[in-house]
């Protein structure tokens, strides 16, 4: 294959890939493409024009390679979208259950506090409310850290973004999970208080 033909084919395929939204290629995929070109080139002497059939075969192989890379790129993009969507759902759920429990429990205690004469029962109810409020706080901090983590992964924090993004992601995850644990502890304390009061 003439070098000019090879360059023209590569430029055309790169332009097609860019139009399809592919912005990066893995080194493994690039290495496979070079292996294909090299194997194809060894089948004929240097400087000899390929027949139209060989050129079409090469274009087909190159098109398959491009389609595989495009499919891999789209798969990774969809997985990222699904991960972000799931994390948003977890944060919203944690905030909703802890915030709703705190507001409802505060309204309940405002009207029923005088009905519980035992100090131990009142202490359990107050502790339960404290757990719910703590859950709201953990969720809020986790959401803030998730935002900073996303900015770090997006390159907005400069050269240190990659170093801090991974620990921030795990810390945000642990904080949101901790808010669910606090909700459970708050419910347990409230149930215990009701059992003692009854």
N, C-alpha and C. Protein backbone atom coordinates (compact mmCIF):
# COMPACT_ATOMS: atom_id res chain seq x y z
N UNK A 1 0.85 -1.18 0.00
CA UNK A 1 0.00 0.00 0.00
C UNK A 1 0.89 1.23 0.00
N UNK A 2 0.56 2.19 -0.84
CA UNK A 2 1.30 3.44 -0.90
C UNK A 2 1.03 4.22 0.38
N UNK A 3 2.09 4.87 0.89
CA UNK A 3 1.97 5.60 2.15
C UNK A 3 0.89 6.68 2.06
N UNK A 4 0.81 7.36 0.93
CA UNK A 4 -0.20 8.41 0.77
C UNK A 4 -1.61 7.84 0.89
N UNK A 5 -1.81 6.62 0.34
CA UNK A 5 -3.13 5.99 0.46
C UNK A 5 -3.46 5.68 1.92
N UNK A 6 -2.47 5.17 2.63
CA UNK A 6 -2.66 4.83 4.04
C UNK A 6 -3.00 6.07 4.86
N UNK A 7 -2.27 7.15 4.61
CA UNK A 7 -2.52 8.40 5.35
C UNK A 7 -3.92 8.93 5.03
N UNK A 8 -4.31 8.87 3.78
CA UNK A 8 -5.64 9.35 3.39
C UNK A 8 -6.73 8.54 4.06
N UNK A 9 -6.55 7.22 4.11
CA UNK A 9 -7.55 6.37 4.76
C UNK A 9 -7.63 6.68 6.25
N UNK A 10 -6.48 6.80 6.90
CA UNK A 10 -6.46 7.11 8.34
C UNK A 10 -7.12 8.44 8.63
N UNK A 11 -6.79 9.46 7.82
CA UNK A 11 -7.41 10.77 8.05
C UNK A 11 -8.92 10.72 7.87
N UNK A 12 -9.38 10.01 6.87
CA UNK A 12 -10.82 9.90 6.64
C UNK A 12 -11.51 9.19 7.80
N UNK A 13 -10.90 8.12 8.31
CA UNK A 13 -11.50 7.38 9.42
C UNK A 13 -11.49 8.19 10.71
N UNK A 14 -10.43 8.97 10.92
CA UNK A 14 -10.36 9.83 12.12
C UNK A 14 -11.45 10.91 12.04
N UNK A 15 -11.63 11.49 10.87
CA UNK A 15 -12.67 12.50 10.72
C UNK A 15 -14.05 11.91 10.95
N UNK A 16 -14.27 10.69 10.46
CA UNK A 16 -15.56 10.02 10.68
C UNK A 16 -15.76 9.74 12.17
N UNK A 17 -14.69 9.30 12.84
CA UNK A 17 -14.78 9.02 14.27
C UNK A 17 -15.11 10.28 15.05
N UNK A 18 -14.51 11.39 14.69
CA UNK A 18 -14.80 12.66 15.39
C UNK A 18 -16.24 13.08 15.18
N UNK A 19 -16.74 12.91 13.97
CA UNK A 19 -18.14 13.27 13.70
C UNK A 19 -19.09 12.40 14.51
N UNK A 20 -18.69 11.17 14.81
CA UNK A 20 -19.53 10.26 15.59
C UNK A 20 -19.37 10.46 17.09
N UNK A 21 -18.55 11.42 17.50
CA UNK A 21 -18.42 11.73 18.92
C UNK A 21 -17.29 11.03 19.64
N UNK A 22 -16.47 10.28 18.92
CA UNK A 22 -15.35 9.58 19.56
C UNK A 22 -14.21 10.58 19.70
N UNK A 23 -13.76 10.80 20.95
CA UNK A 23 -12.72 11.80 21.18
C UNK A 23 -11.40 11.19 21.63
N UNK A 24 -11.40 9.92 21.99
CA UNK A 24 -10.15 9.31 22.44
C UNK A 24 -10.15 7.83 22.07
N UNK A 25 -8.95 7.31 21.93
CA UNK A 25 -8.77 5.91 21.54
C UNK A 25 -7.79 5.30 22.52
N UNK A 26 -8.10 4.09 22.99
CA UNK A 26 -7.19 3.43 23.93
C UNK A 26 -5.93 2.97 23.19
N UNK A 27 -4.85 2.84 23.93
CA UNK A 27 -3.59 2.40 23.34
C UNK A 27 -3.70 0.97 22.82
N UNK A 28 -4.47 0.14 23.48
CA UNK A 28 -4.66 -1.23 23.00
C UNK A 28 -5.33 -1.25 21.63
N UNK A 29 -6.34 -0.42 21.47
CA UNK A 29 -7.04 -0.37 20.19
C UNK A 29 -6.13 0.17 19.09
N UNK A 30 -5.33 1.18 19.41
CA UNK A 30 -4.40 1.74 18.44
C UNK A 30 -3.35 0.71 18.06
N UNK A 31 -2.88 -0.04 19.04
CA UNK A 31 -1.90 -1.09 18.76
C UNK A 31 -2.49 -2.17 17.86
N UNK A 32 -3.74 -2.54 18.08
CA UNK A 32 -4.39 -3.52 17.21
C UNK A 32 -4.51 -3.00 15.79
N UNK A 33 -4.82 -1.71 15.63
CA UNK A 33 -4.92 -1.12 14.31
C UNK A 33 -3.57 -1.18 13.60
N UNK A 34 -2.52 -0.85 14.29
CA UNK A 34 -1.17 -0.89 13.70
C UNK A 34 -0.82 -2.33 13.31
N UNK A 35 -1.17 -3.30 14.14
CA UNK A 35 -0.93 -4.71 13.80
C UNK A 35 -1.67 -5.10 12.53
N UNK A 36 -2.90 -4.64 12.39
CA UNK A 36 -3.68 -4.93 11.18
C UNK A 36 -3.02 -4.32 9.95
N UNK A 37 -2.58 -3.06 10.08
CA UNK A 37 -1.93 -2.39 8.95
C UNK A 37 -0.62 -3.11 8.59
N UNK A 38 0.13 -3.48 9.61
CA UNK A 38 1.41 -4.15 9.37
C UNK A 38 1.21 -5.50 8.70
N UNK A 39 0.25 -6.28 9.18
CA UNK A 39 -0.02 -7.59 8.57
C UNK A 39 -0.50 -7.43 7.13
N UNK A 40 -1.30 -6.41 6.90
CA UNK A 40 -1.80 -6.17 5.56
C UNK A 40 -0.68 -5.72 4.63
N UNK A 41 0.23 -4.94 5.16
CA UNK A 41 1.34 -4.43 4.37
C UNK A 41 2.33 -5.53 4.01
N UNK A 42 2.49 -6.54 4.87
CA UNK A 42 3.44 -7.63 4.61
C UNK A 42 2.97 -8.54 3.50
N UNK A 43 1.70 -8.49 3.16
CA UNK A 43 1.17 -9.35 2.11
C UNK A 43 1.48 -8.85 0.71
N UNK A 44 2.05 -7.64 0.58
CA UNK A 44 2.38 -7.12 -0.74
C UNK A 44 3.69 -6.35 -0.68
N UNK A 45 4.40 -6.24 -1.78
CA UNK A 45 5.65 -5.49 -1.79
C UNK A 45 5.42 -4.01 -1.56
N UNK A 46 6.43 -3.34 -0.97
CA UNK A 46 6.33 -1.91 -0.70
C UNK A 46 6.25 -1.14 -2.01
N UNK A 47 5.47 -0.06 -1.96
CA UNK A 47 5.40 0.84 -3.11
C UNK A 47 4.48 0.38 -4.22
N UNK A 48 3.80 -0.75 -4.04
CA UNK A 48 2.91 -1.26 -5.08
C UNK A 48 1.47 -0.90 -4.71
N UNK A 49 0.75 -0.35 -5.65
CA UNK A 49 -0.65 0.02 -5.39
C UNK A 49 -1.48 -1.23 -5.12
N UNK A 50 -2.36 -1.13 -4.17
CA UNK A 50 -3.28 -2.22 -3.84
C UNK A 50 -4.39 -2.25 -4.87
N UNK A 51 -4.92 -3.41 -5.00
CA UNK A 51 -6.11 -3.52 -5.84
C UNK A 51 -7.28 -2.93 -5.08
N UNK A 52 -8.31 -2.65 -5.78
CA UNK A 52 -9.50 -2.06 -5.15
C UNK A 52 -10.09 -3.00 -4.09
N UNK A 53 -10.02 -4.28 -4.32
CA UNK A 53 -10.55 -5.25 -3.38
C UNK A 53 -9.80 -5.19 -2.05
N UNK A 54 -8.45 -5.13 -2.11
CA UNK A 54 -7.65 -5.07 -0.89
C UNK A 54 -7.90 -3.77 -0.14
N UNK A 55 -8.07 -2.69 -0.89
CA UNK A 55 -8.34 -1.40 -0.26
C UNK A 55 -9.69 -1.40 0.44
N UNK A 56 -10.68 -2.00 -0.18
CA UNK A 56 -11.99 -2.09 0.45
C UNK A 56 -11.96 -2.98 1.68
N UNK A 57 -11.18 -4.05 1.62
CA UNK A 57 -11.04 -4.93 2.78
C UNK A 57 -10.41 -4.18 3.95
N UNK A 58 -9.39 -3.39 3.63
CA UNK A 58 -8.73 -2.61 4.67
C UNK A 58 -9.69 -1.58 5.28
N UNK A 59 -10.47 -0.94 4.41
CA UNK A 59 -11.46 0.03 4.91
C UNK A 59 -12.48 -0.66 5.80
N UNK A 60 -12.86 -1.87 5.45
CA UNK A 60 -13.82 -2.62 6.26
C UNK A 60 -13.25 -2.94 7.64
N UNK A 61 -12.00 -3.39 7.66
CA UNK A 61 -11.35 -3.69 8.95
C UNK A 61 -11.24 -2.43 9.78
N UNK A 62 -10.85 -1.35 9.14
CA UNK A 62 -10.71 -0.07 9.85
C UNK A 62 -12.07 0.41 10.36
N UNK A 63 -13.12 0.21 9.56
CA UNK A 63 -14.46 0.59 10.00
C UNK A 63 -14.93 -0.22 11.19
N UNK A 64 -14.62 -1.54 11.16
CA UNK A 64 -14.96 -2.39 12.31
C UNK A 64 -14.24 -1.93 13.56
N UNK A 65 -12.98 -1.61 13.41
CA UNK A 65 -12.17 -1.13 14.55
C UNK A 65 -12.77 0.16 15.11
N UNK A 66 -13.15 1.06 14.21
CA UNK A 66 -13.76 2.32 14.65
C UNK A 66 -15.08 2.07 15.36
N UNK A 67 -15.90 1.18 14.80
CA UNK A 67 -17.20 0.89 15.42
C UNK A 67 -17.03 0.27 16.80
N UNK A 68 -16.05 -0.63 16.95
CA UNK A 68 -15.79 -1.23 18.27
C UNK A 68 -15.37 -0.17 19.28
N UNK A 69 -14.51 0.74 18.86
CA UNK A 69 -14.09 1.81 19.76
C UNK A 69 -15.25 2.72 20.12
N UNK A 70 -16.09 3.02 19.13
CA UNK A 70 -17.26 3.87 19.39
C UNK A 70 -18.21 3.19 20.36
N UNK A 71 -18.44 1.88 20.16
CA UNK A 71 -19.33 1.14 21.05
C UNK A 71 -18.78 1.11 22.48
N UNK A 72 -17.46 0.88 22.61
CA UNK A 72 -16.85 0.88 23.94
C UNK A 72 -16.97 2.25 24.61
N UNK A 73 -16.78 3.30 23.84
CA UNK A 73 -16.90 4.65 24.37
C UNK A 73 -18.33 4.92 24.85
N UNK A 74 -19.30 4.54 24.05
CA UNK A 74 -20.71 4.76 24.42
C UNK A 74 -21.10 3.93 25.64
N UNK A 75 -20.55 2.71 25.75
CA UNK A 75 -20.83 1.87 26.91
C UNK A 75 -20.29 2.51 28.18
N UNK A 76 -19.05 3.00 28.12
CA UNK A 76 -18.47 3.66 29.29
C UNK A 76 -19.25 4.91 29.67
N UNK A 77 -19.70 5.65 28.66
CA UNK A 77 -20.48 6.86 28.92
C UNK A 77 -21.82 6.54 29.58
N UNK A 78 -22.49 5.49 29.11
CA UNK A 78 -23.76 5.09 29.72
C UNK A 78 -23.58 4.59 31.15
N UNK A 79 -22.48 3.86 31.39
CA UNK A 79 -22.20 3.40 32.76
C UNK A 79 -21.96 4.59 33.68
N UNK A 80 -21.26 5.61 33.19
CA UNK A 80 -21.04 6.81 34.00
C UNK A 80 -22.35 7.51 34.30
N UNK A 81 -23.21 7.61 33.31
CA UNK A 81 -24.52 8.25 33.53
C UNK A 81 -25.35 7.46 34.54
N UNK A 82 -25.33 6.14 34.43
CA UNK A 82 -26.08 5.30 35.37
C UNK A 82 -25.54 5.44 36.78
N UNK A 83 -24.22 5.50 36.92
CA UNK A 83 -23.61 5.66 38.24
C UNK A 83 -24.00 6.99 38.86
N UNK A 84 -23.93 8.05 38.08
CA UNK A 84 -24.30 9.38 38.60
C UNK A 84 -25.78 9.41 38.97
N UNK A 85 -26.63 8.83 38.14
CA UNK A 85 -28.06 8.80 38.42
C UNK A 85 -28.36 8.03 39.71
N UNK A 86 -27.69 6.89 39.89
CA UNK A 86 -27.89 6.09 41.10
C UNK A 86 -27.42 6.83 42.34
N UNK A 87 -26.27 7.52 42.23
CA UNK A 87 -25.77 8.26 43.39
C UNK A 87 -26.71 9.41 43.75
N UNK A 88 -27.27 10.08 42.74
CA UNK A 88 -28.25 11.14 43.02
C UNK A 88 -29.47 10.58 43.74
N UNK A 89 -29.92 9.40 43.31
CA UNK A 89 -31.07 8.76 43.95
C UNK A 89 -30.77 8.41 45.40
N UNK A 90 -29.56 7.89 45.67
CA UNK A 90 -29.19 7.54 47.04
C UNK A 90 -29.14 8.78 47.93
N UNK A 91 -28.57 9.86 47.42
CA UNK A 91 -28.49 11.10 48.21
C UNK A 91 -29.88 11.66 48.47
N UNK A 92 -30.72 11.68 47.44
CA UNK A 92 -32.09 12.19 47.63
C UNK A 92 -32.87 11.33 48.62
N UNK A 93 -32.71 10.01 48.52
CA UNK A 93 -33.42 9.12 49.43
C UNK A 93 -32.98 9.33 50.87
N UNK A 94 -31.66 9.42 51.09
CA UNK A 94 -31.15 9.62 52.44
C UNK A 94 -31.64 10.95 53.01
N UNK A 95 -31.61 11.99 52.19
CA UNK A 95 -32.07 13.30 52.66
C UNK A 95 -33.58 13.29 52.94
N UNK A 96 -34.33 12.62 52.09
CA UNK A 96 -35.79 12.57 52.26
C UNK A 96 -36.18 11.81 53.51
N UNK A 97 -35.61 10.63 53.74
CA UNK A 97 -36.05 9.85 54.90
C UNK A 97 -35.58 10.48 56.20
N UNK A 98 -34.35 10.97 56.26
CA UNK A 98 -33.87 11.58 57.50
C UNK A 98 -34.52 12.94 57.74
N UNK A 99 -34.63 13.75 56.68
CA UNK A 99 -35.27 15.06 56.84
C UNK A 99 -36.75 14.93 57.18
N UNK A 100 -37.43 14.03 56.49
CA UNK A 100 -38.85 13.81 56.79
C UNK A 100 -39.06 13.28 58.19
N UNK A 101 -38.18 12.35 58.61
CA UNK A 101 -38.30 11.80 59.97
C UNK A 101 -38.05 12.88 61.01
N UNK A 102 -37.05 13.74 60.77
CA UNK A 102 -36.73 14.80 61.73
C UNK A 102 -37.90 15.78 61.86
N UNK A 103 -38.48 16.19 60.74
CA UNK A 103 -39.59 17.16 60.78
C UNK A 103 -40.82 16.53 61.43
N UNK A 104 -41.15 15.30 61.02
CA UNK A 104 -42.32 14.64 61.59
C UNK A 104 -42.14 14.37 63.08
N UNK A 105 -40.94 13.96 63.46
CA UNK A 105 -40.69 13.67 64.87
C UNK A 105 -40.70 14.93 65.72
N UNK A 106 -40.18 16.02 65.16
CA UNK A 106 -40.20 17.30 65.87
C UNK A 106 -41.64 17.76 66.08
N UNK A 107 -42.49 17.61 65.06
CA UNK A 107 -43.91 17.97 65.21
C UNK A 107 -44.59 17.09 66.25
N UNK A 108 -44.26 15.80 66.23
CA UNK A 108 -44.84 14.87 67.21
C UNK A 108 -44.42 15.25 68.62
N UNK A 109 -43.13 15.52 68.81
CA UNK A 109 -42.65 15.85 70.17
C UNK A 109 -43.22 17.17 70.66
N UNK A 110 -43.46 18.10 69.74
CA UNK A 110 -44.03 19.38 70.15
C UNK A 110 -45.40 19.23 70.77
N UNK A 111 -46.19 18.29 70.31
CA UNK A 111 -47.54 18.11 70.84
C UNK A 111 -47.60 17.06 71.94
N UNK A 112 -46.68 16.10 71.96
CA UNK A 112 -46.80 14.97 72.89
C UNK A 112 -45.75 14.96 74.00
N UNK A 113 -44.88 15.94 74.04
CA UNK A 113 -43.78 15.94 75.02
C UNK A 113 -44.29 15.88 76.46
N UNK A 114 -45.35 16.63 76.74
CA UNK A 114 -45.86 16.67 78.12
C UNK A 114 -46.55 15.36 78.52
N UNK A 115 -46.90 14.51 77.57
CA UNK A 115 -47.57 13.25 77.88
C UNK A 115 -46.59 12.17 78.38
N UNK A 116 -45.31 12.43 78.22
CA UNK A 116 -44.29 11.45 78.63
C UNK A 116 -43.55 11.98 79.85
N UNK A 117 -43.97 11.56 81.05
CA UNK A 117 -43.35 12.10 82.26
C UNK A 117 -41.96 11.52 82.53
N UNK A 118 -41.64 10.36 82.03
CA UNK A 118 -40.38 9.70 82.33
C UNK A 118 -39.22 10.41 81.63
N UNK A 119 -38.17 10.71 82.39
CA UNK A 119 -36.97 11.35 81.83
C UNK A 119 -36.26 10.42 80.85
N UNK A 120 -36.29 9.12 81.13
CA UNK A 120 -35.63 8.16 80.25
C UNK A 120 -36.31 8.12 78.88
N UNK A 121 -37.63 8.19 78.87
CA UNK A 121 -38.37 8.19 77.61
C UNK A 121 -38.07 9.46 76.83
N UNK A 122 -38.09 10.60 77.54
CA UNK A 122 -37.78 11.87 76.87
C UNK A 122 -36.36 11.86 76.31
N UNK A 123 -35.43 11.26 77.04
CA UNK A 123 -34.05 11.18 76.56
C UNK A 123 -33.95 10.33 75.30
N UNK A 124 -34.70 9.24 75.25
CA UNK A 124 -34.70 8.39 74.05
C UNK A 124 -35.31 9.12 72.85
N UNK A 125 -36.41 9.86 73.10
CA UNK A 125 -37.02 10.61 72.01
C UNK A 125 -36.07 11.70 71.50
N UNK A 126 -35.43 12.40 72.42
CA UNK A 126 -34.47 13.44 72.01
C UNK A 126 -33.30 12.83 71.26
N UNK A 127 -32.83 11.66 71.73
CA UNK A 127 -31.73 10.98 71.03
C UNK A 127 -32.14 10.55 69.63
N UNK A 128 -33.37 10.09 69.51
CA UNK A 128 -33.88 9.69 68.20
C UNK A 128 -33.89 10.87 67.23
N UNK A 129 -34.38 12.00 67.71
CA UNK A 129 -34.38 13.21 66.89
C UNK A 129 -32.95 13.60 66.51
N UNK A 130 -32.02 13.44 67.44
CA UNK A 130 -30.61 13.73 67.17
C UNK A 130 -30.05 12.85 66.06
N UNK A 131 -30.42 11.58 66.06
CA UNK A 131 -29.97 10.68 64.99
C UNK A 131 -30.49 11.14 63.63
N UNK A 132 -31.77 11.54 63.58
CA UNK A 132 -32.34 11.98 62.30
C UNK A 132 -31.64 13.25 61.81
N UNK A 133 -31.39 14.17 62.71
CA UNK A 133 -30.70 15.41 62.33
C UNK A 133 -29.27 15.10 61.87
N UNK A 134 -28.60 14.19 62.59
CA UNK A 134 -27.26 13.78 62.17
C UNK A 134 -27.28 13.15 60.78
N UNK A 135 -28.31 12.37 60.48
CA UNK A 135 -28.45 11.78 59.14
C UNK A 135 -28.58 12.83 58.06
N UNK A 136 -29.35 13.90 58.36
CA UNK A 136 -29.49 14.99 57.39
C UNK A 136 -28.14 15.67 57.17
N UNK A 137 -27.41 15.89 58.26
CA UNK A 137 -26.10 16.54 58.14
C UNK A 137 -25.12 15.69 57.34
N UNK A 138 -25.08 14.39 57.62
CA UNK A 138 -24.17 13.51 56.87
C UNK A 138 -24.52 13.49 55.38
N UNK A 139 -25.82 13.48 55.09
CA UNK A 139 -26.23 13.49 53.69
C UNK A 139 -25.82 14.79 53.00
N UNK A 140 -26.00 15.90 53.68
CA UNK A 140 -25.61 17.19 53.10
C UNK A 140 -24.11 17.27 52.84
N UNK A 141 -23.32 16.82 53.80
CA UNK A 141 -21.87 16.82 53.62
C UNK A 141 -21.49 15.86 52.50
N UNK A 142 -22.12 14.69 52.46
CA UNK A 142 -21.85 13.73 51.39
C UNK A 142 -22.18 14.29 50.02
N UNK A 143 -23.29 15.02 49.91
CA UNK A 143 -23.66 15.63 48.63
C UNK A 143 -22.64 16.69 48.22
N UNK A 144 -22.17 17.48 49.18
CA UNK A 144 -21.14 18.47 48.88
C UNK A 144 -19.84 17.83 48.41
N UNK A 145 -19.44 16.76 49.09
CA UNK A 145 -18.22 16.05 48.69
C UNK A 145 -18.39 15.40 47.32
N UNK A 146 -19.59 14.90 47.02
CA UNK A 146 -19.85 14.31 45.70
C UNK A 146 -19.70 15.36 44.60
N UNK A 147 -20.14 16.58 44.88
CA UNK A 147 -19.99 17.67 43.91
C UNK A 147 -18.52 17.99 43.67
N UNK A 148 -17.75 18.10 44.76
CA UNK A 148 -16.32 18.38 44.63
C UNK A 148 -15.61 17.24 43.92
N UNK A 149 -16.02 16.01 44.22
CA UNK A 149 -15.44 14.83 43.57
C UNK A 149 -15.70 14.87 42.07
N UNK A 150 -16.91 15.21 41.67
CA UNK A 150 -17.24 15.28 40.25
C UNK A 150 -16.42 16.37 39.56
N UNK A 151 -16.23 17.50 40.26
CA UNK A 151 -15.40 18.57 39.70
C UNK A 151 -13.95 18.10 39.55
N UNK A 152 -13.47 17.33 40.52
CA UNK A 152 -12.11 16.80 40.44
C UNK A 152 -11.96 15.83 39.29
N UNK A 153 -12.93 14.93 39.11
CA UNK A 153 -12.89 13.99 37.99
C UNK A 153 -12.99 14.74 36.65
N UNK A 154 -13.70 15.85 36.64
CA UNK A 154 -13.86 16.64 35.43
C UNK A 154 -12.67 17.52 35.10
N UNK A 155 -11.65 17.52 35.95
CA UNK A 155 -10.44 18.29 35.69
C UNK A 155 -10.51 19.73 36.13
N UNK A 156 -11.51 20.09 36.90
CA UNK A 156 -11.66 21.48 37.32
C UNK A 156 -10.76 21.86 38.50
N UNK A 157 -10.11 20.88 39.13
CA UNK A 157 -9.25 21.17 40.27
C UNK A 157 -7.77 21.09 39.91
N UNK A 158 -7.47 21.12 38.64
CA UNK A 158 -6.08 21.14 38.20
C UNK A 158 -5.40 19.80 38.30
N UNK A 159 -4.08 19.86 38.47
CA UNK A 159 -3.28 18.63 38.44
C UNK A 159 -3.50 17.74 39.64
N UNK A 160 -4.06 18.26 40.72
CA UNK A 160 -4.31 17.45 41.91
C UNK A 160 -5.69 16.80 41.91
N UNK A 161 -6.49 17.09 40.90
CA UNK A 161 -7.86 16.58 40.85
C UNK A 161 -7.94 15.07 40.90
N UNK A 162 -7.10 14.38 40.11
CA UNK A 162 -7.14 12.93 40.07
C UNK A 162 -6.73 12.31 41.40
N UNK A 163 -5.82 12.97 42.11
CA UNK A 163 -5.34 12.43 43.39
C UNK A 163 -6.39 12.51 44.49
N UNK A 164 -7.21 13.56 44.45
CA UNK A 164 -8.19 13.72 45.52
C UNK A 164 -9.57 13.19 45.16
N UNK A 165 -9.82 12.94 43.87
CA UNK A 165 -11.16 12.52 43.45
C UNK A 165 -11.55 11.16 44.03
N UNK A 166 -10.65 10.20 43.97
CA UNK A 166 -10.99 8.85 44.43
C UNK A 166 -11.27 8.80 45.93
N UNK A 167 -10.41 9.39 46.80
CA UNK A 167 -10.76 9.39 48.23
C UNK A 167 -12.06 10.14 48.53
N UNK A 168 -12.30 11.24 47.81
CA UNK A 168 -13.54 11.99 48.03
C UNK A 168 -14.76 11.17 47.65
N UNK A 169 -14.64 10.38 46.58
CA UNK A 169 -15.77 9.56 46.16
C UNK A 169 -16.12 8.55 47.25
N UNK A 170 -15.10 7.89 47.81
CA UNK A 170 -15.37 6.90 48.85
C UNK A 170 -15.87 7.56 50.14
N UNK A 171 -15.33 8.73 50.46
CA UNK A 171 -15.79 9.43 51.66
C UNK A 171 -17.26 9.85 51.52
N UNK A 172 -17.63 10.36 50.35
CA UNK A 172 -19.03 10.74 50.11
C UNK A 172 -19.95 9.53 50.21
N UNK A 173 -19.50 8.40 49.66
CA UNK A 173 -20.30 7.17 49.73
C UNK A 173 -20.49 6.73 51.17
N UNK A 174 -19.42 6.77 51.95
CA UNK A 174 -19.51 6.36 53.36
C UNK A 174 -20.41 7.30 54.16
N UNK A 175 -20.36 8.58 53.87
CA UNK A 175 -21.22 9.52 54.60
C UNK A 175 -22.70 9.27 54.30
N UNK A 176 -23.03 9.02 53.04
CA UNK A 176 -24.44 8.76 52.70
C UNK A 176 -24.88 7.44 53.31
N UNK A 177 -24.02 6.42 53.26
CA UNK A 177 -24.36 5.16 53.93
C UNK A 177 -24.51 5.36 55.43
N UNK A 178 -23.66 6.20 56.01
CA UNK A 178 -23.77 6.52 57.44
C UNK A 178 -25.09 7.18 57.78
N UNK A 179 -25.62 7.98 56.86
CA UNK A 179 -26.91 8.63 57.12
C UNK A 179 -28.04 7.60 57.19
N UNK A 180 -27.94 6.53 56.39
CA UNK A 180 -28.93 5.47 56.48
C UNK A 180 -28.81 4.72 57.82
N UNK A 181 -27.58 4.54 58.28
CA UNK A 181 -27.36 3.89 59.58
C UNK A 181 -27.96 4.75 60.69
N UNK A 182 -27.76 6.07 60.61
CA UNK A 182 -28.34 6.97 61.62
C UNK A 182 -29.86 6.94 61.59
N UNK A 183 -30.43 6.81 60.40
CA UNK A 183 -31.89 6.70 60.33
C UNK A 183 -32.35 5.44 61.06
N UNK A 184 -31.66 4.33 60.84
CA UNK A 184 -32.00 3.08 61.53
C UNK A 184 -31.87 3.25 63.05
N UNK A 185 -30.78 3.88 63.50
CA UNK A 185 -30.58 4.08 64.94
C UNK A 185 -31.66 4.99 65.53
N UNK A 186 -32.04 6.02 64.78
CA UNK A 186 -33.11 6.91 65.24
C UNK A 186 -34.44 6.20 65.37
N UNK A 187 -34.75 5.36 64.39
CA UNK A 187 -36.00 4.58 64.46
C UNK A 187 -35.96 3.60 65.64
N UNK A 188 -34.81 2.96 65.85
CA UNK A 188 -34.67 2.02 66.96
C UNK A 188 -34.87 2.71 68.31
N UNK A 189 -34.28 3.91 68.45
CA UNK A 189 -34.44 4.65 69.70
C UNK A 189 -35.89 5.07 69.91
N UNK A 190 -36.57 5.47 68.83
CA UNK A 190 -37.98 5.88 68.95
C UNK A 190 -38.85 4.69 69.33
N UNK A 191 -38.59 3.53 68.73
CA UNK A 191 -39.38 2.33 69.07
C UNK A 191 -39.16 1.95 70.54
N UNK A 192 -37.91 2.03 70.96
CA UNK A 192 -37.61 1.71 72.37
C UNK A 192 -38.32 2.69 73.31
N UNK A 193 -38.36 3.95 72.95
CA UNK A 193 -39.04 4.96 73.78
C UNK A 193 -40.54 4.69 73.84
N UNK A 194 -41.13 4.33 72.72
CA UNK A 194 -42.56 4.03 72.71
C UNK A 194 -42.87 2.80 73.55
N UNK A 195 -41.99 1.80 73.49
CA UNK A 195 -42.19 0.60 74.30
C UNK A 195 -42.12 0.94 75.80
N UNK A 196 -41.14 1.78 76.15
CA UNK A 196 -41.00 2.17 77.55
C UNK A 196 -42.18 3.03 78.02
N UNK A 197 -42.69 3.88 77.13
CA UNK A 197 -43.80 4.78 77.52
C UNK A 197 -45.10 4.02 77.61
N UNK A 198 -45.24 2.96 76.82
CA UNK A 198 -46.51 2.24 76.79
C UNK A 198 -46.60 1.30 77.89
